Amino acid sequence: MMVDLPSGVSLDEGRGGLPRLTVSTDLCGAELYLHGAHLCRWQPRTEPHPVLWMSQASRFEPGAPIR
């Protein structure tokens, strides 16, 4: 099923080949993995670094939870 995504949102392949939504707007940037609906990164444009992120030890593998 194809869905039209809003401006600033794209669907691509993320780490481990998992499907990922990438958000890029004037207000923020974010990464959301469809596998478990994990918000893995969120960064307001006013901040120099993400304010929400996943550990480097997180597993991005099909069939395994991202933690």
PDB file of N, CA and C in Angstrom:
ATOM      1  N   MET A   1       0.844  -1.179   0.000  1.00  0.00           N
ATOM      2  CA  MET A   1       0.000   0.000   0.000  1.00  0.00           C
ATOM      3  C   MET A   1       0.886   1.238   0.000  1.00  0.00           C
ATOM      4  N   MET A   2       0.725   2.101  -0.972  1.00  0.00           N
ATOM      5  CA  MET A   2       1.484   3.349  -1.049  1.00  0.00           C
ATOM      6  C   MET A   2       0.722   4.454  -0.317  1.00  0.00           C
ATOM      7  N   VAL A   3       1.464   5.224   0.445  1.00  0.00           N
ATOM      8  CA  VAL A   3       0.883   6.335   1.187  1.00  0.00           C
ATOM      9  C   VAL A   3       1.673   7.586   0.859  1.00  0.00           C
ATOM     10  N   ASP A   4       0.983   8.678   0.577  1.00  0.00           N
ATOM     11  CA  ASP A   4       1.659   9.948   0.380  1.00  0.00           C
ATOM     12  C   ASP A   4       2.107  10.473   1.734  1.00  0.00           C
ATOM     13  N   LEU A   5       3.386  10.776   1.849  1.00  0.00           N
ATOM     14  CA  LEU A   5       3.933  11.289   3.104  1.00  0.00           C
ATOM     15  C   LEU A   5       3.951  12.812   3.072  1.00  0.00           C
ATOM     16  N   PRO A   6       3.809  13.437   4.232  1.00  0.00           N
ATOM     17  CA  PRO A   6       3.869  14.898   4.282  1.00  0.00           C
ATOM     18  C   PRO A   6       5.243  15.409   3.859  1.00  0.00           C
ATOM     19  N   SER A   7       5.283  16.659   3.484  1.00  0.00           N
ATOM     20  CA  SER A   7       6.541  17.313   3.142  1.00  0.00           C
ATOM     21  C   SER A   7       7.493  17.214   4.328  1.00  0.00           C
ATOM     22  N   GLY A   8       8.744  16.865   4.069  1.00  0.00           N
ATOM     23  CA  GLY A   8       9.739  16.762   5.133  1.00  0.00           C
ATOM     24  C   GLY A   8       9.834  15.379   5.744  1.00  0.00           C
ATOM     25  N   VAL A   9       9.007  14.432   5.274  1.00  0.00           N
ATOM     26  CA  VAL A   9       9.032  13.066   5.800  1.00  0.00           C
ATOM     27  C   VAL A   9       9.358  12.122   4.644  1.00  0.00           C
ATOM     28  N   SER A  10      10.317  11.239   4.872  1.00  0.00           N
ATOM     29  CA  SER A  10      10.665  10.263   3.841  1.00  0.00           C
ATOM     30  C   SER A  10      10.806   8.880   4.465  1.00  0.00           C
ATOM     31  N   LEU A  11      10.548   7.869   3.658  1.00  0.00           N
ATOM     32  CA  LEU A  11      10.691   6.481   4.073  1.00  0.00           C
ATOM     33  C   LEU A  11      11.910   5.918   3.361  1.00  0.00           C
ATOM     34  N   ASP A  12      12.840   5.357   4.129  1.00  0.00           N
ATOM     35  CA  ASP A  12      14.047   4.797   3.528  1.00  0.00           C
ATOM     36  C   ASP A  12      14.502   3.588   4.334  1.00  0.00           C
ATOM     37  N   GLU A  13      15.666   3.070   3.987  1.00  0.00           N
ATOM     38  CA  GLU A  13      16.244   1.938   4.695  1.00  0.00           C
ATOM     39  C   GLU A  13      17.248   2.453   5.708  1.00  0.00           C
ATOM     40  N   GLY A  14      17.036   2.087   6.973  1.00  0.00           N
ATOM     41  CA  GLY A  14      17.934   2.529   8.032  1.00  0.00           C
ATOM     42  C   GLY A  14      18.944   1.463   8.397  1.00  0.00           C
ATOM     43  N   ARG A  15      19.493   1.582   9.573  1.00  0.00           N
ATOM     44  CA  ARG A  15      20.495   0.616  10.044  1.00  0.00           C
ATOM     45  C   ARG A  15      19.910  -0.786  10.074  1.00  0.00           C
ATOM     46  N   GLY A  16      20.717  -1.757   9.728  1.00  0.00           N
ATOM     47  CA  GLY A  16      20.289  -3.140   9.709  1.00  0.00           C
ATOM     48  C   GLY A  16      19.270  -3.450   8.618  1.00  0.00           C
ATOM     49  N   GLY A  17      19.085  -2.517   7.683  1.00  0.00           N
ATOM     50  CA  GLY A  17      18.123  -2.725   6.606  1.00  0.00           C
ATOM     51  C   GLY A  17      16.678  -2.533   7.026  1.00  0.00           C
ATOM     52  N   LEU A  18      16.453  -1.993   8.226  1.00  0.00           N
ATOM     53  CA  LEU A  18      15.098  -1.809   8.735  1.00  0.00           C
ATOM     54  C   LEU A  18      14.463  -0.554   8.138  1.00  0.00           C
ATOM     55  N   PRO A  19      13.149  -0.587   7.871  1.00  0.00           N
ATOM     56  CA  PRO A  19      12.476   0.594   7.333  1.00  0.00           C
ATOM     57  C   PRO A  19      12.442   1.726   8.357  1.00  0.00           C
ATOM     58  N   ARG A  20      12.716   2.940   7.874  1.00  0.00           N
ATOM     59  CA  ARG A  20      12.848   4.096   8.757  1.00  0.00           C
ATOM     60  C   ARG A  20      12.149   5.301   8.138  1.00  0.00           C
ATOM     61  N   LEU A  21      11.445   6.057   8.967  1.00  0.00           N
ATOM     62  CA  LEU A  21      10.924   7.355   8.566  1.00  0.00           C
ATOM     63  C   LEU A  21      11.917   8.406   9.037  1.00  0.00           C
ATOM     64  N   THR A  22      12.294   9.292   8.138  1.00  0.00           N
ATOM     65  CA  THR A  22      13.178  10.398   8.480  1.00  0.00           C
ATOM     66  C   THR A  22      12.375  11.683   8.358  1.00  0.00           C
ATOM     67  N   VAL A  23      12.429  12.496   9.400  1.00  0.00           N
ATOM     68  CA  VAL A  23      11.701  13.759   9.428  1.00  0.00           C
ATOM     69  C   VAL A  23      12.718  14.890   9.406  1.00  0.00           C
ATOM     70  N   SER A  24      12.508  15.836   8.519  1.00  0.00           N
ATOM     71  CA  SER A  24      13.382  17.001   8.434  1.00  0.00           C
ATOM     72  C   SER A  24      12.510  18.218   8.137  1.00  0.00           C
ATOM     73  N   THR A  25      12.311  19.046   9.163  1.00  0.00           N
ATOM     74  CA  THR A  25      11.509  20.261   9.011  1.00  0.00           C
ATOM     75  C   THR A  25      12.309  21.459   9.514  1.00  0.00           C
ATOM     76  N   ASP A  26      11.729  22.627   9.411  1.00  0.00           N
ATOM     77  CA  ASP A  26      12.373  23.830   9.930  1.00  0.00           C
ATOM     78  C   ASP A  26      12.491  23.787  11.453  1.00  0.00           C
ATOM     79  N   LEU A  27      11.667  22.963  12.111  1.00  0.00           N
ATOM     80  CA  LEU A  27      11.648  22.906  13.568  1.00  0.00           C
ATOM     81  C   LEU A  27      12.504  21.800  14.164  1.00  0.00           C
ATOM     82  N   CYS A  28      12.618  20.662  13.459  1.00  0.00           N
ATOM     83  CA  CYS A  28      13.331  19.531  14.046  1.00  0.00           C
ATOM     84  C   CYS A  28      13.733  18.513  12.994  1.00  0.00           C
ATOM     85  N   GLY A  29      14.544  17.562  13.441  1.00  0.00           N
ATOM     86  CA  GLY A  29      14.898  16.387  12.655  1.00  0.00           C
ATOM     87  C   GLY A  29      14.675  15.169  13.534  1.00  0.00           C
ATOM     88  N   ALA A  30      14.256  14.052  12.928  1.00  0.00           N
ATOM     89  CA  ALA A  30      13.984  12.852  13.714  1.00  0.00           C
ATOM     90  C   ALA A  30      14.133  11.610  12.851  1.00  0.00           C
ATOM     91  N   GLU A  31      14.342  10.467  13.523  1.00  0.00           N
ATOM     92  CA  GLU A  31      14.355   9.152  12.890  1.00  0.00           C
ATOM     93  C   GLU A  31      13.416   8.252  13.671  1.00  0.00           C
ATOM     94  N   LEU A  32      12.497   7.625  12.961  1.00  0.00           N
ATOM     95  CA  LEU A  32      11.538   6.713  13.568  1.00  0.00           C
ATOM     96  C   LEU A  32      11.595   5.401  12.806  1.00  0.00           C
ATOM     97  N   TYR A  33      11.925   4.325  13.506  1.00  0.00           N
ATOM     98  CA  TYR A  33      11.972   3.006  12.878  1.00  0.00           C
ATOM     99  C   TYR A  33      10.602   2.365  12.994  1.00  0.00           C
ATOM    100  N   LEU A  34      10.102   1.831  11.887  1.00  0.00           N
ATOM    101  CA  LEU A  34       8.800   1.181  11.878  1.00  0.00           C
ATOM    102  C   LEU A  34       8.817  -0.097  12.697  1.00  0.00           C
ATOM    103  N   HIS A  35       9.968  -0.751  12.804  1.00  0.00           N
ATOM    104  CA  HIS A  35      10.153  -1.959  13.605  1.00  0.00           C
ATOM    105  C   HIS A  35       9.989  -1.594  15.084  1.00  0.00           C
ATOM    106  N   GLY A  36       8.813  -1.839  15.637  1.00  0.00           N
ATOM    107  CA  GLY A  36       8.551  -1.515  17.041  1.00  0.00           C
ATOM    108  C   GLY A  36       8.230  -0.065  17.298  1.00  0.00           C
ATOM    109  N   ALA A  37       8.086   0.739  16.244  1.00  0.00           N
ATOM    110  CA  ALA A  37       7.767   2.166  16.370  1.00  0.00           C
ATOM    111  C   ALA A  37       8.745   2.882  17.307  1.00  0.00           C
ATOM    112  N   HIS A  38      10.033   2.657  17.103  1.00  0.00           N
ATOM    113  CA  HIS A  38      11.069   3.265  17.942  1.00  0.00           C
ATOM    114  C   HIS A  38      11.455   4.641  17.413  1.00  0.00           C
ATOM    115  N   LEU A  39      11.291   5.642  18.251  1.00  0.00           N
ATOM    116  CA  LEU A  39      11.821   6.967  17.951  1.00  0.00           C
ATOM    117  C   LEU A  39      13.276   6.937  18.391  1.00  0.00           C
ATOM    118  N   CYS A  40      14.190   6.941  17.435  1.00  0.00           N
ATOM    119  CA  CYS A  40      15.608   6.714  17.736  1.00  0.00           C
ATOM    120  C   CYS A  40      16.430   7.989  17.813  1.00  0.00           C
ATOM    121  N   ARG A  41      15.910   9.085  17.261  1.00  0.00           N
ATOM    122  CA  ARG A  41      16.633  10.347  17.334  1.00  0.00           C
ATOM    123  C   ARG A  41      15.643  11.480  17.146  1.00  0.00           C
ATOM    124  N   TRP A  42      15.789  12.524  17.962  1.00  0.00           N
ATOM    125  CA  TRP A  42      14.990  13.727  17.808  1.00  0.00           C
ATOM    126  C   TRP A  42      15.867  14.912  18.181  1.00  0.00           C
ATOM    127  N   GLN A  43      15.888  15.913  17.311  1.00  0.00           N
ATOM    128  CA  GLN A  43      16.732  17.078  17.538  1.00  0.00           C
ATOM    129  C   GLN A  43      16.026  18.347  17.087  1.00  0.00           C
ATOM    130  N   PRO A  44      15.718  19.227  18.048  1.00  0.00           N
ATOM    131  CA  PRO A  44      15.183  20.528  17.644  1.00  0.00           C
ATOM    132  C   PRO A  44      16.255  21.296  16.871  1.00  0.00           C
ATOM    133  N   ARG A  45      15.866  22.084  15.913  1.00  0.00           N
ATOM    134  CA  ARG A  45      16.829  22.863  15.124  1.00  0.00           C
ATOM    135  C   ARG A  45      17.557  23.900  15.970  1.00  0.00           C
ATOM    136  N   THR A  46      17.015  24.213  17.133  1.00  0.00           N
ATOM    137  CA  THR A  46      17.649  25.194  18.019  1.00  0.00           C
ATOM    138  C   THR A  46      18.771  24.589  18.855  1.00  0.00           C
ATOM    139  N   GLU A  47      18.908  23.253  18.828  1.00  0.00           N
ATOM    140  CA  GLU A  47      19.917  22.570  19.629  1.00  0.00           C
ATOM    141  C   GLU A  47      21.053  22.058  18.743  1.00  0.00           C
ATOM    142  N   PRO A  48      22.307  22.093  19.240  1.00  0.00           N
ATOM    143  CA  PRO A  48      23.433  21.632  18.428  1.00  0.00           C
ATOM    144  C   PRO A  48      23.539  20.100  18.333  1.00  0.00           C
ATOM    145  N   HIS A  49      22.866  19.379  19.257  1.00  0.00           N
ATOM    146  CA  HIS A  49      22.935  17.918  19.295  1.00  0.00           C
ATOM    147  C   HIS A  49      21.545  17.350  19.552  1.00  0.00           C
ATOM    148  N   PRO A  50      21.319  16.081  19.210  1.00  0.00           N
ATOM    149  CA  PRO A  50      20.025  15.462  19.515  1.00  0.00           C
ATOM    150  C   PRO A  50      19.737  15.504  21.014  1.00  0.00           C
ATOM    151  N   VAL A  51      18.469  15.646  21.358  1.00  0.00           N
ATOM    152  CA  VAL A  51      18.065  15.619  22.766  1.00  0.00           C
ATOM    153  C   VAL A  51      17.469  14.258  23.118  1.00  0.00           C
ATOM    154  N   LEU A  52      17.215  13.431  22.109  1.00  0.00           N
ATOM    155  CA  LEU A  52      16.778  12.065  22.310  1.00  0.00           C
ATOM    156  C   LEU A  52      17.525  11.216  21.292  1.00  0.00           C
ATOM    157  N   TRP A  53      18.130  10.123  21.745  1.00  0.00           N
ATOM    158  CA  TRP A  53      18.884   9.261  20.842  1.00  0.00           C
ATOM    159  C   TRP A  53      18.950   7.857  21.435  1.00  0.00           C
ATOM    160  N   MET A  54      19.351   6.902  20.588  1.00  0.00           N
ATOM    161  CA  MET A  54      19.500   5.508  21.013  1.00  0.00           C
ATOM    162  C   MET A  54      20.976   5.235  21.301  1.00  0.00           C
ATOM    163  N   SER A  55      21.212   4.284  22.169  1.00  0.00           N
ATOM    164  CA  SER A  55      22.562   3.862  22.501  1.00  0.00           C
ATOM    165  C   SER A  55      23.246   3.246  21.284  1.00  0.00           C
ATOM    166  N   GLN A  56      24.562   3.375  21.201  1.00  0.00           N
ATOM    167  CA  GLN A  56      25.330   2.722  20.145  1.00  0.00           C
ATOM    168  C   GLN A  56      25.248   1.199  20.266  1.00  0.00           C
ATOM    169  N   ALA A  57      24.887   0.705  21.453  1.00  0.00           N
ATOM    170  CA  ALA A  57      24.764  -0.738  21.681  1.00  0.00           C
ATOM    171  C   ALA A  57      23.403  -1.282  21.218  1.00  0.00           C
ATOM    172  N   SER A  58      22.521  -0.413  20.735  1.00  0.00           N
ATOM    173  CA  SER A  58      21.203  -0.855  20.275  1.00  0.00           C
ATOM    174  C   SER A  58      21.337  -1.824  19.111  1.00  0.00           C
ATOM    175  N   ARG A  59      20.440  -2.795  19.079  1.00  0.00           N
ATOM    176  CA  ARG A  59      20.454  -3.813  18.023  1.00  0.00           C
ATOM    177  C   ARG A  59      19.472  -3.408  16.931  1.00  0.00           C
ATOM    178  N   PHE A  60      19.962  -3.182  15.749  1.00  0.00           N
ATOM    179  CA  PHE A  60      19.124  -2.881  14.599  1.00  0.00           C
ATOM    180  C   PHE A  60      19.138  -4.105  13.705  1.00  0.00           C
ATOM    181  N   GLU A  61      18.359  -5.128  14.094  1.00  0.00           N
ATOM    182  CA  GLU A  61      18.336  -6.402  13.377  1.00  0.00           C
ATOM    183  C   GLU A  61      16.889  -6.859  13.210  1.00  0.00           C
ATOM    184  N   PRO A  62      16.524  -7.348  12.038  1.00  0.00           N
ATOM    185  CA  PRO A  62      15.186  -7.898  11.861  1.00  0.00           C
ATOM    186  C   PRO A  62      14.932  -9.022  12.869  1.00  0.00           C
ATOM    187  N   GLY A  63      13.762  -9.025  13.471  1.00  0.00           N
ATOM    188  CA  GLY A  63      13.404 -10.074  14.415  1.00  0.00           C
ATOM    189  C   GLY A  63      13.900  -9.857  15.838  1.00  0.00           C
ATOM    190  N   ALA A  64      14.658  -8.790  16.075  1.00  0.00           N
ATOM    191  CA  ALA A  64      15.168  -8.482  17.414  1.00  0.00           C
ATOM    192  C   ALA A  64      14.665  -7.106  17.830  1.00  0.00           C
ATOM    193  N   PRO A  65      14.334  -6.922  19.114  1.00  0.00           N
ATOM    194  CA  PRO A  65      13.899  -5.607  19.552  1.00  0.00           C
ATOM    195  C   PRO A  65      15.059  -4.597  19.490  1.00  0.00           C
ATOM    196  N   ILE A  66      14.726  -3.366  19.152  1.00  0.00           N
ATOM    197  CA  ILE A  66      15.724  -2.290  19.197  1.00  0.00           C
ATOM    198  C   ILE A  66      15.707  -1.777  20.630  1.00  0.00           C
ATOM    199  N   ARG A  67      16.829  -1.896  21.315  1.00  0.00           N
ATOM    200  CA  ARG A  67      16.898  -1.404  22.702  1.00  0.00           C
ATOM    201  C   ARG A  67      18.223  -0.742  22.933  1.00  0.00           C
TER     202      ARG A  67
END
